[in-house]
Amino acid sequence: MAAPASRRSAAFVARRALLGASVAPVGLVLGGAARAQSTRGALAPTPRQSRGPFYPPDPPRDASNDLVAERDGRRAQGEITQLSGRVIDTTGRPVAGTLVEIWQCNAAGRYHHPRDDNPAPVDPLFRAYGRATTDAEGRWSFRTIRPAPYPGRTPHIHLQATTPGGVQLVTQIYVRGEPGNARDGLLARLSAEDRERLAVDFVRAADDGWRASFEVVLPA
């Protein structure tokens, strides 16, 4: 006999929370708050966060910095967001040629990943993963959607930066002021200062979308 829907739902939420917490942290940095300084005056590297279970097992080779597809007068669901920033080191110098990758669930809370058993629908017009390479000033940008929650987690965007020299850092970007932040288990593991450093302001743009900025500080 099948379990009642309420029991299946509770088990699903618990399983998703366990998946999000079971992957060891790898490492990265913030963008929305003031830069933290070390005792020696250098910028502090970004707080580390886990890669999570839904990094693409086979990232698409044609991935770009635009995660929002448009076809036959339709586009990916969700609120369009221009996410941009820079990659710098602890001295404030830009790190050119850094590969920046982001991945996130769609507007319904579903990742495009074979391990995601969320019954929410897949959005065929949302690419869910993108990559960009920093320019000479360390700048990068993406066209994506405002992050949505999924069972067990507050809205967030995963970000991974890999320098030409092979230094790799991973973090997660959060929406400042999002009510779910206070209940997120992974975010709660950080200090109040580090939580603030990973929180980003999402500001309304002239086209009624959103704009957000996140600065990645790599360790020396």
Foldseek 3Di string as FASTA:
>chain_A
DDDDPVVVVVVLLVVQQCQQPVADWDAWAWAADDFDADPVGWTDFAGIGGLTDQDAPDPDPPFAQEQWADDPRDIFDAFKEKEKEFEAARNRAGAFFKKKKKFAAGQQAFGPGPPTPPPGDHGPRGNRMHIDTAHNRRMDIHIHHFFCHHRQAHGWMKMWIAGPVGDIRIDIAAAPPGPCLVVHPRLVVDDPVSSVRRHWYWDQDPVRGTYTYIYIYHYD
